[in-house]
Amino acid sequence: MSGRAHVVGGGLAGLAAAVELAAAGRPVTLYDQAIRAGGRCRSFFDESLGRTIDNGNHLVLSGNTSLTRYLRRIGAEDRLSGPQRAAFPFIDLATGERWTVRIGTGRVPWWVLSASRRIPGTRLAEYASALHLARAGSERTVADCVDTSGALYRRFWEPLTVAVLNTAADEGAAHLLWPVLLETFGRGEAACRPRIATHGLADSFVDPAVAFLRGAGAELRLHTRLRSIVIGGSRARLLNFAGGGGTEVPIGADESLVLAVPPAAAAALMPGLTTPQHSRAIVNAHFRLDDAVPQPDFVGLVSATAQWIFVRDDIASVTVSAADGLAEESNEAIAARLWPEVQQALRLPAASLPRHRIVKEKRATFAQTPAEAARRPGARTALTNVFLAGDWTATGLPATIEGSVRSGHTAAACVFAGASNA
């Protein structure tokens, strides 16, 4: 056992780091300014709907190796659900066409050779453009690399980029999309099975982690905001927390600090740190249906404002990524725009706008453009005992749940390496 690890930030990145450290027997203190852990991954009871909902929707895949490791560690592997095979249903709201993308079992996508299995209206030659993503330089966008003239761009590349990068295809960094394709589609059907939090984000990703940490003897200090870090030489020496009179927490000679906070907060705490400066919004709408209806767990939308609809019991939850403009509209205007898309996609009978809740995350992720991606720092900092975690750090992945968890694992690995080199 080595010195205590102070983890500031209780989102998925901080939780993942804290879990890895605690599992190895390291004393851990986790701090977060909110009253509950989870950060942007949270659930809450909404009075207007009479249901517990998530602040946003997250679709993960069976090939997300870091997330799988995290869930196994906290004993929550059984808290995700989804189809037994990799199947992604879609509807084009402009034409009414419906189709399901079914991934082949092998690493080579032989399934695209069959016209009946390809996305409707697409040509075989369009799929070959994916190879350009593998060779994309850091300055290129997705639209620079793929054929933008055909149906595949409108029905696959564009919605995929917006969903994964939370950025439009004509500005999204190509080198961030390729690793996702490689780790999932590139490994065949078994790595592409969609997985959704069965009873909500908190139940699947947060509450089991908090229980694990408490069981491992970790200390959780919630509703505690870090105001500043006192630096001496090449090390962080003291944490100064806000509050009545302030609270000072010394960092011992054998102790370390993991900063798992948003990029702006990290830059304020660590002068001279380069971080992404711009963000993109995500808007989620939750509609209370008259009854629980038999539906697929989710459906992707094309030619629509939204990209995905997720159904859990009698709640239909809609996700709109890259939604900076939409986020500026009123909640009622957003609901009125999205409800007809829900009705068409789910084949619901004509009905007036039901009870609903709009959730706006105006800084959901950093803007995943080539310029902003170049500003992502690594886990190590100029201070020998301070490490960074967060989906905005240089994980090699986009700002997704998988990227968040992987960043926490990387930060924990740096803490272990620092101890071994001490």
Protein backbone atom coordinates (compact mmCIF):
# COMPACT_ATOMS: atom_id res chain seq x y z
CA MET A 1 0.00 0.00 0.00
CA SER A 2 1.33 3.46 -0.91
CA GLY A 3 0.26 6.99 -0.09
CA ARG A 4 -3.26 8.33 -0.44
CA ALA A 5 -4.65 9.28 -3.82
CA HIS A 6 -6.78 12.42 -3.87
CA VAL A 7 -9.26 12.24 -6.78
CA VAL A 8 -11.03 15.51 -7.53
CA GLY A 9 -14.12 15.02 -9.69
CA GLY A 10 -16.78 12.37 -9.26
CA GLY A 11 -17.82 11.89 -12.87
CA LEU A 12 -17.09 8.64 -14.70
CA ALA A 13 -13.43 9.53 -15.24
CA GLY A 14 -12.88 10.23 -11.54
CA LEU A 15 -14.89 7.20 -10.47
CA ALA A 16 -12.95 4.93 -12.82
CA ALA A 17 -9.63 6.23 -11.47
CA ALA A 18 -10.76 5.94 -7.86
CA VAL A 19 -12.08 2.39 -8.36
CA GLU A 20 -8.80 1.22 -9.93
CA LEU A 21 -6.77 2.78 -7.14
CA ALA A 22 -8.98 1.46 -4.36
CA ALA A 23 -9.06 -2.03 -5.91
CA ALA A 24 -5.28 -2.10 -5.66
CA GLY A 25 -5.42 -1.23 -1.96
CA ARG A 26 -4.53 2.41 -2.35
CA PRO A 27 -6.18 4.78 0.20
CA VAL A 28 -8.49 7.07 -1.80
CA THR A 29 -10.37 10.28 -1.10
CA LEU A 30 -12.86 11.32 -3.77
CA TYR A 31 -14.06 14.92 -3.88
CA ASP A 32 -16.87 16.43 -5.94
CA GLN A 33 -18.63 19.77 -5.78
CA ALA A 34 -22.04 18.21 -6.46
CA ILE A 35 -24.13 16.53 -3.79
CA ARG A 36 -24.02 13.24 -5.77
CA ALA A 37 -21.34 11.55 -7.81
CA GLY A 38 -21.80 10.97 -11.53
CA GLY A 39 -21.10 14.33 -13.15
CA ARG A 40 -22.76 14.40 -16.58
CA CYS A 41 -23.80 10.77 -16.11
CA ARG A 42 -26.73 11.09 -13.73
CA SER A 43 -30.33 10.09 -13.08
CA PHE A 44 -33.04 11.98 -11.22
CA PHE A 45 -36.73 11.76 -10.41
CA ASP A 46 -38.73 14.19 -12.51
CA GLU A 47 -41.92 15.41 -10.83
CA SER A 48 -43.65 16.41 -14.07
CA LEU A 49 -43.19 12.94 -15.59
CA GLY A 50 -43.50 10.98 -12.38
CA ARG A 51 -40.53 8.89 -13.50
CA THR A 52 -36.81 8.59 -12.90
CA ILE A 53 -34.99 9.73 -16.03
CA ASP A 54 -31.40 10.25 -17.13
CA ASN A 55 -29.98 13.64 -18.00
CA GLY A 56 -29.01 12.13 -21.36
CA ASN A 57 -28.98 8.92 -23.35
CA HIS A 58 -25.87 6.83 -23.84
CA LEU A 59 -25.51 3.89 -26.20
CA VAL A 60 -22.41 1.81 -25.50
CA LEU A 61 -21.15 -1.25 -27.32
CA SER A 62 -20.06 -4.68 -26.16
CA GLY A 63 -16.59 -3.96 -27.56
CA ASN A 64 -16.00 -1.07 -25.16
CA THR A 65 -13.18 -2.80 -23.30
CA SER A 66 -12.48 -0.11 -20.69
CA LEU A 67 -16.14 0.17 -19.73
CA THR A 68 -16.43 -3.61 -19.51
CA ARG A 69 -13.46 -3.71 -17.13
CA TYR A 70 -14.98 -0.93 -15.01
CA LEU A 71 -18.37 -2.63 -14.78
CA ARG A 72 -16.77 -5.96 -13.92
CA ARG A 73 -14.75 -4.29 -11.18
CA ILE A 74 -17.81 -2.70 -9.54
CA GLY A 75 -20.02 -5.76 -10.05
CA ALA A 76 -22.41 -4.11 -12.50
CA GLU A 77 -21.96 -6.12 -15.70
CA ASP A 78 -25.56 -7.29 -15.48
CA ARG A 79 -26.95 -3.74 -15.39
CA LEU A 80 -26.78 -3.24 -19.15
CA SER A 81 -29.26 -4.73 -21.60
CA GLY A 82 -29.63 -4.94 -25.35
CA PRO A 83 -30.13 -7.28 -28.28
CA GLN A 84 -28.27 -10.58 -28.38
CA ARG A 85 -26.91 -9.72 -31.82
CA ALA A 86 -25.55 -6.47 -33.26
CA ALA A 87 -28.60 -4.87 -34.83
CA PHE A 88 -29.21 -1.14 -35.33
CA PRO A 89 -32.71 -0.15 -36.49
CA PHE A 90 -33.13 3.09 -38.47
CA ILE A 91 -35.89 5.12 -40.09
CA ASP A 92 -35.58 7.90 -42.65
CA LEU A 93 -38.35 10.29 -41.67
CA ALA A 94 -38.28 11.97 -45.07
CA THR A 95 -39.11 8.79 -46.99
CA GLY A 96 -40.54 6.54 -44.30
CA GLU A 97 -38.00 3.81 -45.17
CA ARG A 98 -36.96 1.53 -42.34
CA TRP A 99 -33.96 -0.78 -42.20
CA THR A 100 -31.74 -2.56 -39.72
CA VAL A 101 -27.96 -2.63 -39.97
CA ARG A 102 -26.75 -6.11 -38.96
CA ILE A 103 -23.01 -6.48 -38.49
CA GLY A 104 -21.22 -9.60 -39.77
CA THR A 105 -19.41 -11.98 -37.45
CA GLY A 106 -15.92 -11.57 -38.93
CA ARG A 107 -13.42 -8.74 -38.85
CA VAL A 108 -13.73 -8.22 -42.60
CA PRO A 109 -17.13 -6.64 -43.39
CA TRP A 110 -18.15 -9.13 -46.07
CA TRP A 111 -21.78 -8.29 -45.34
CA VAL A 112 -21.53 -5.05 -47.35
CA LEU A 113 -21.10 -7.15 -50.50
CA SER A 114 -24.75 -8.15 -50.23
CA ALA A 115 -27.09 -5.48 -51.59
CA SER A 116 -29.86 -6.75 -49.31
CA ARG A 117 -27.74 -6.09 -46.21
CA ARG A 118 -26.40 -2.70 -47.19
CA ILE A 119 -28.08 0.51 -46.10
CA PRO A 120 -30.87 1.26 -48.61
CA GLY A 121 -29.80 3.40 -51.54
CA THR A 122 -26.07 2.94 -50.95
CA ARG A 123 -23.52 1.63 -53.41
CA LEU A 124 -20.70 -0.79 -52.62
CA ALA A 125 -18.07 1.71 -53.76
CA GLU A 126 -19.19 4.19 -51.08
CA TYR A 127 -18.12 1.84 -48.28
CA ALA A 128 -14.54 1.72 -49.52
CA SER A 129 -14.05 5.35 -48.54
CA ALA A 130 -13.85 4.23 -44.90
CA LEU A 131 -10.24 3.24 -45.58
CA HIS A 132 -9.36 6.91 -45.97
CA LEU A 133 -10.22 7.42 -42.31
CA ALA A 134 -7.45 5.00 -41.33
CA ARG A 135 -4.88 7.25 -42.98
CA ALA A 136 -6.40 10.58 -41.96
CA GLY A 137 -4.03 13.17 -40.62
CA SER A 138 -4.84 15.10 -37.47
CA GLU A 139 -6.03 18.11 -39.46
CA ARG A 140 -8.65 16.33 -41.59
CA THR A 141 -12.40 16.13 -41.00
CA VAL A 142 -14.65 13.12 -41.55
CA ALA A 143 -16.19 14.82 -44.57
CA ASP A 144 -12.68 15.23 -46.03
CA CYS A 145 -12.20 11.48 -45.96
CA VAL A 146 -15.45 9.89 -47.13
CA ASP A 147 -17.64 10.17 -50.20
CA THR A 148 -20.15 12.90 -49.37
CA SER A 149 -22.17 12.61 -52.59
CA GLY A 150 -24.12 9.41 -51.92
CA ALA A 151 -26.72 8.00 -49.60
CA LEU A 152 -24.12 6.42 -47.30
CA TYR A 153 -22.94 9.84 -46.18
CA ARG A 154 -26.45 11.02 -45.34
CA ARG A 155 -27.62 7.73 -43.84
CA PHE A 156 -24.45 6.58 -42.06
CA TRP A 157 -21.38 8.79 -41.94
CA GLU A 158 -23.15 12.00 -41.02
CA PRO A 159 -25.37 10.57 -38.24
CA LEU A 160 -22.53 8.39 -36.95
CA THR A 161 -20.16 11.33 -36.71
CA VAL A 162 -22.70 13.51 -34.93
CA ALA A 163 -23.56 10.71 -32.51
CA VAL A 164 -19.95 9.77 -31.71
CA LEU A 165 -18.17 13.12 -31.94
CA ASN A 166 -21.05 15.44 -31.03
CA THR A 167 -19.79 17.46 -33.97
CA ALA A 168 -20.94 17.72 -37.58
CA ALA A 169 -19.11 15.56 -40.14
CA ASP A 170 -17.76 18.58 -42.01
CA GLU A 171 -15.86 19.71 -38.91
CA GLY A 172 -15.45 16.54 -36.83
CA ALA A 173 -11.89 15.22 -36.49
CA ALA A 174 -11.48 12.10 -38.64
CA HIS A 175 -8.67 10.67 -36.51
CA LEU A 176 -11.06 10.44 -33.54
CA LEU A 177 -13.70 8.46 -35.41
CA TRP A 178 -11.37 5.81 -36.81
CA PRO A 179 -10.40 4.23 -33.43
CA VAL A 180 -14.09 3.77 -32.65
CA LEU A 181 -14.63 1.93 -35.93
CA LEU A 182 -11.49 -0.15 -35.35
CA GLU A 183 -12.40 -1.20 -31.78
CA THR A 184 -16.01 -2.06 -32.59
CA PHE A 185 -16.99 -2.60 -36.24
CA GLY A 186 -13.44 -3.70 -36.98
CA ARG A 187 -13.72 -6.58 -34.49
CA GLY A 188 -16.95 -8.00 -35.85
CA GLU A 189 -20.45 -8.57 -34.52
CA ALA A 190 -19.47 -9.65 -31.01
CA ALA A 191 -17.90 -6.23 -30.34
CA CYS A 192 -20.81 -4.24 -31.78
CA ARG A 193 -23.78 -5.35 -29.70
CA PRO A 194 -25.62 -2.27 -28.43
CA ARG A 195 -25.91 -1.93 -24.68
CA ILE A 196 -28.14 0.46 -22.72
CA ALA A 197 -28.37 1.14 -18.99
CA THR A 198 -31.34 -1.04 -18.01
CA HIS A 199 -32.60 1.05 -15.10
CA GLY A 200 -30.75 4.31 -15.74
CA LEU A 201 -27.27 5.75 -15.77
CA ALA A 202 -26.89 6.08 -12.01
CA ASP A 203 -28.01 2.50 -11.40
CA SER A 204 -25.57 1.10 -13.96
CA PHE A 205 -22.49 3.30 -13.79
CA VAL A 206 -22.50 5.41 -10.64
CA ASP A 207 -24.22 3.84 -7.63
CA PRO A 208 -22.31 0.52 -7.88
CA ALA A 209 -19.02 2.45 -8.09
CA VAL A 210 -19.87 4.51 -5.02
CA ALA A 211 -20.81 1.32 -3.15
CA PHE A 212 -17.55 -0.32 -4.23
CA LEU A 213 -15.50 2.64 -3.04
CA ARG A 214 -17.22 2.77 0.32
CA GLY A 215 -16.74 -0.97 0.71
CA ALA A 216 -13.04 -0.57 -0.06
CA GLY A 217 -12.69 2.06 2.68
CA ALA A 218 -12.45 5.08 0.38
CA GLU A 219 -13.52 8.45 1.73
CA LEU A 220 -16.11 10.42 -0.29
CA ARG A 221 -16.35 14.17 0.25
CA LEU A 222 -19.26 15.46 -1.81
CA HIS A 223 -20.52 19.03 -2.04
CA THR A 224 -16.87 20.07 -1.78
CA ARG A 225 -15.37 22.42 -4.38
CA LEU A 226 -11.63 22.66 -4.94
CA ARG A 227 -10.69 26.34 -5.05
CA SER A 228 -6.94 26.15 -5.60
CA ILE A 229 -3.86 23.96 -5.52
CA VAL A 230 -0.77 25.13 -3.65
CA ILE A 231 2.36 24.14 -5.57
CA GLY A 232 5.83 23.83 -4.16
CA GLY A 233 8.71 22.95 -6.47
CA SER A 234 7.57 20.26 -8.87
CA ARG A 235 4.74 18.94 -6.69
CA ALA A 236 1.26 19.81 -5.54
CA ARG A 237 1.49 20.39 -1.77
CA LEU A 238 -1.94 21.48 -0.62
CA LEU A 239 -5.60 21.43 -1.70
CA ASN A 240 -7.62 24.48 -0.75
CA PHE A 241 -11.37 23.87 -0.74
CA ALA A 242 -14.09 26.49 -0.71
CA GLY A 243 -16.51 26.75 2.19
CA GLY A 244 -16.98 28.57 5.42
CA GLY A 245 -13.45 29.52 6.36
CA GLY A 246 -12.07 27.14 3.74
CA THR A 247 -10.61 23.70 4.25
CA GLU A 248 -6.98 22.87 3.60
CA VAL A 249 -5.90 19.32 2.82
CA PRO A 250 -2.14 18.69 2.70
CA ILE A 251 -0.78 16.33 0.05
CA GLY A 252 1.89 14.16 1.61
CA ALA A 253 5.24 13.35 0.05
CA ASP A 254 4.01 9.92 -1.07
CA GLU A 255 0.53 11.09 -2.08
CA SER A 256 -0.88 11.95 -5.48
CA LEU A 257 -3.66 14.00 -7.05
CA VAL A 258 -5.93 13.05 -9.95
CA LEU A 259 -7.78 16.00 -11.45
CA ALA A 260 -10.92 14.68 -13.14
CA VAL A 261 -12.69 17.98 -13.66
CA PRO A 262 -13.92 19.80 -16.81
CA PRO A 263 -11.23 21.40 -18.99
CA ALA A 264 -11.97 24.99 -17.96
CA ALA A 265 -11.75 24.04 -14.28
CA ALA A 266 -8.49 22.16 -14.84
CA ALA A 267 -6.98 25.14 -16.66
CA ALA A 268 -7.98 27.46 -13.80
CA LEU A 269 -6.42 25.15 -11.22
CA MET A 270 -3.26 24.45 -13.26
CA PRO A 271 -1.92 27.69 -14.78
CA GLY A 272 -0.21 27.07 -18.11
CA LEU A 273 -2.19 23.91 -18.87
CA THR A 274 -3.43 23.72 -22.45
CA THR A 275 -6.97 22.35 -22.77
CA PRO A 276 -9.79 22.42 -25.33
CA GLN A 277 -11.59 25.76 -25.15
CA HIS A 278 -14.81 25.25 -27.08
CA SER A 279 -17.71 22.90 -26.43
CA ARG A 280 -20.78 21.45 -28.12
CA ALA A 281 -24.28 21.03 -26.69
CA ILE A 282 -26.53 17.99 -26.47
CA VAL A 283 -30.29 18.35 -25.99
CA ASN A 284 -32.39 15.49 -24.62
CA ALA A 285 -36.17 15.33 -24.52
CA HIS A 286 -38.16 12.86 -22.43
CA PHE A 287 -41.81 12.19 -23.30
CA ARG A 288 -44.28 10.32 -21.09
CA LEU A 289 -46.30 7.98 -23.31
CA ASP A 290 -49.86 6.92 -22.54
CA ASP A 291 -48.77 3.33 -22.05
CA ALA A 292 -45.66 1.22 -22.20
CA VAL A 293 -45.52 0.17 -25.84
CA PRO A 294 -43.62 -2.78 -27.33
CA GLN A 295 -40.73 -1.10 -29.11
CA PRO A 296 -37.07 -1.74 -29.83
CA ASP A 297 -34.77 -0.38 -27.13
CA PHE A 298 -33.69 2.34 -29.52
CA VAL A 299 -34.03 3.55 -33.10
CA GLY A 300 -31.78 5.81 -35.15
CA LEU A 301 -33.28 8.70 -37.11
CA VAL A 302 -32.25 10.10 -40.49
CA SER A 303 -33.63 13.31 -42.03
CA ALA A 304 -34.66 14.45 -38.57
CA THR A 305 -33.69 16.93 -35.89
CA ALA A 306 -32.91 14.08 -33.48
CA GLN A 307 -30.45 11.24 -34.02
CA TRP A 308 -31.77 8.63 -31.56
CA ILE A 309 -34.89 7.66 -29.68
CA PHE A 310 -34.55 5.39 -26.64
CA VAL A 311 -37.59 3.67 -25.14
CA ARG A 312 -37.81 2.48 -21.54
CA ASP A 313 -41.25 1.43 -20.37
CA ASP A 314 -43.53 4.43 -20.99
CA ILE A 315 -40.78 7.02 -21.51
CA ALA A 316 -39.44 7.88 -24.96
CA SER A 317 -36.14 9.75 -24.69
CA VAL A 318 -34.78 11.69 -27.64
CA THR A 319 -31.17 12.74 -28.19
CA VAL A 320 -30.02 15.64 -30.36
CA SER A 321 -26.24 15.98 -30.58
CA ALA A 322 -24.27 18.93 -31.98
CA ALA A 323 -27.23 20.94 -30.77
CA ASP A 324 -25.82 24.40 -30.07
CA GLY A 325 -28.55 26.14 -32.07
CA LEU A 326 -31.40 24.01 -30.72
CA ALA A 327 -30.25 24.57 -27.14
CA GLU A 328 -30.98 28.28 -27.55
CA GLU A 329 -34.66 27.61 -28.30
CA SER A 330 -37.35 27.45 -25.60
CA ASN A 331 -38.19 24.12 -24.06
CA GLU A 332 -41.70 24.21 -25.51
CA ALA A 333 -40.41 24.92 -29.01
CA ILE A 334 -37.97 22.01 -28.73
CA ALA A 335 -40.68 19.63 -27.49
CA ALA A 336 -43.04 20.70 -30.28
CA ARG A 337 -40.34 20.02 -32.88
CA LEU A 338 -39.31 16.61 -31.54
CA TRP A 339 -42.66 15.08 -30.60
CA PRO A 340 -43.82 14.52 -34.23
CA GLU A 341 -40.55 12.69 -34.90
CA VAL A 342 -41.23 10.40 -31.94
CA GLN A 343 -44.77 9.73 -33.15
CA GLN A 344 -43.62 8.82 -36.65
CA ALA A 345 -40.63 6.73 -35.61
CA LEU A 346 -42.54 4.74 -32.97
CA ARG A 347 -45.75 4.52 -35.01
CA LEU A 348 -47.76 6.15 -32.25
CA PRO A 349 -51.38 7.22 -32.77
CA ALA A 350 -52.09 10.91 -33.25
CA ALA A 351 -51.95 12.69 -29.91
CA SER A 352 -51.28 16.13 -28.54
CA LEU A 353 -47.96 16.97 -26.95
CA PRO A 354 -47.68 14.81 -23.79
CA ARG A 355 -45.94 15.54 -20.52
CA HIS A 356 -42.26 16.07 -21.20
CA ARG A 357 -38.95 17.24 -19.83
CA ILE A 358 -36.20 18.96 -21.82
CA VAL A 359 -32.62 18.67 -20.57
CA LYS A 360 -29.96 20.90 -22.10
CA GLU A 361 -26.28 20.14 -21.64
CA LYS A 362 -24.74 23.21 -23.24
CA ARG A 363 -21.19 22.03 -22.58
CA ALA A 364 -21.78 18.32 -23.05
CA THR A 365 -18.40 17.63 -24.69
CA PHE A 366 -15.50 19.59 -26.03
CA ALA A 367 -15.82 20.52 -29.71
CA GLN A 368 -14.16 17.56 -31.38
CA THR A 369 -12.69 19.43 -34.30
CA PRO A 370 -9.08 18.98 -35.44
CA ALA A 371 -8.06 22.27 -33.83
CA GLU A 372 -9.64 21.50 -30.46
CA ALA A 373 -8.46 17.87 -30.46
CA ALA A 374 -4.90 19.17 -30.82
CA ARG A 375 -5.32 20.94 -27.47
CA ARG A 376 -6.03 17.73 -25.51
CA PRO A 377 -3.35 17.18 -22.84
CA GLY A 378 -2.04 13.81 -21.77
CA ALA A 379 -2.58 12.33 -18.32
CA ARG A 380 0.78 13.51 -17.00
CA THR A 381 1.35 17.14 -16.07
CA ALA A 382 4.39 19.28 -15.28
CA LEU A 383 3.89 18.33 -11.63
CA THR A 384 5.23 14.93 -10.67
CA ASN A 385 2.28 13.98 -8.45
CA VAL A 386 -0.64 15.46 -10.46
CA PHE A 387 -2.42 13.55 -13.22
CA LEU A 388 -5.40 14.37 -15.42
CA ALA A 389 -8.50 12.37 -16.27
CA GLY A 390 -11.53 13.25 -18.35
CA ASP A 391 -12.97 12.57 -21.79
CA TRP A 392 -11.30 15.81 -22.95
CA THR A 393 -7.79 14.48 -22.31
CA ALA A 394 -5.75 12.72 -25.00
CA THR A 395 -7.26 9.25 -24.71
CA GLY A 396 -7.04 8.52 -28.43
CA LEU A 397 -10.84 8.21 -28.37
CA PRO A 398 -13.70 10.70 -28.72
CA ALA A 399 -15.41 12.22 -25.68
CA THR A 400 -17.59 9.19 -24.92
CA ILE A 401 -18.27 7.03 -21.87
CA GLU A 402 -15.57 4.65 -23.07
CA GLY A 403 -13.14 7.55 -23.38
CA SER A 404 -14.03 8.85 -19.91
CA VAL A 405 -13.46 5.49 -18.24
CA ARG A 406 -10.25 4.87 -20.18
CA SER A 407 -8.89 8.24 -19.06
CA GLY A 408 -9.51 7.28 -15.45
CA HIS A 409 -7.69 3.98 -15.93
CA THR A 410 -4.77 5.81 -17.54
CA ALA A 411 -4.55 8.29 -14.67
CA ALA A 412 -4.58 5.46 -12.15
CA ALA A 413 -1.80 3.71 -14.07
CA CYS A 414 0.24 6.92 -13.89
CA VAL A 415 -0.26 7.07 -10.12
CA PHE A 416 0.99 3.48 -9.81
CA ALA A 417 3.98 4.22 -12.06
CA GLY A 418 4.81 7.31 -10.05
CA ALA A 419 4.83 5.31 -6.85
CA SER A 420 7.09 2.65 -8.32
CA ASN A 421 9.55 5.31 -9.49
CA ALA A 422 9.57 7.18 -6.18
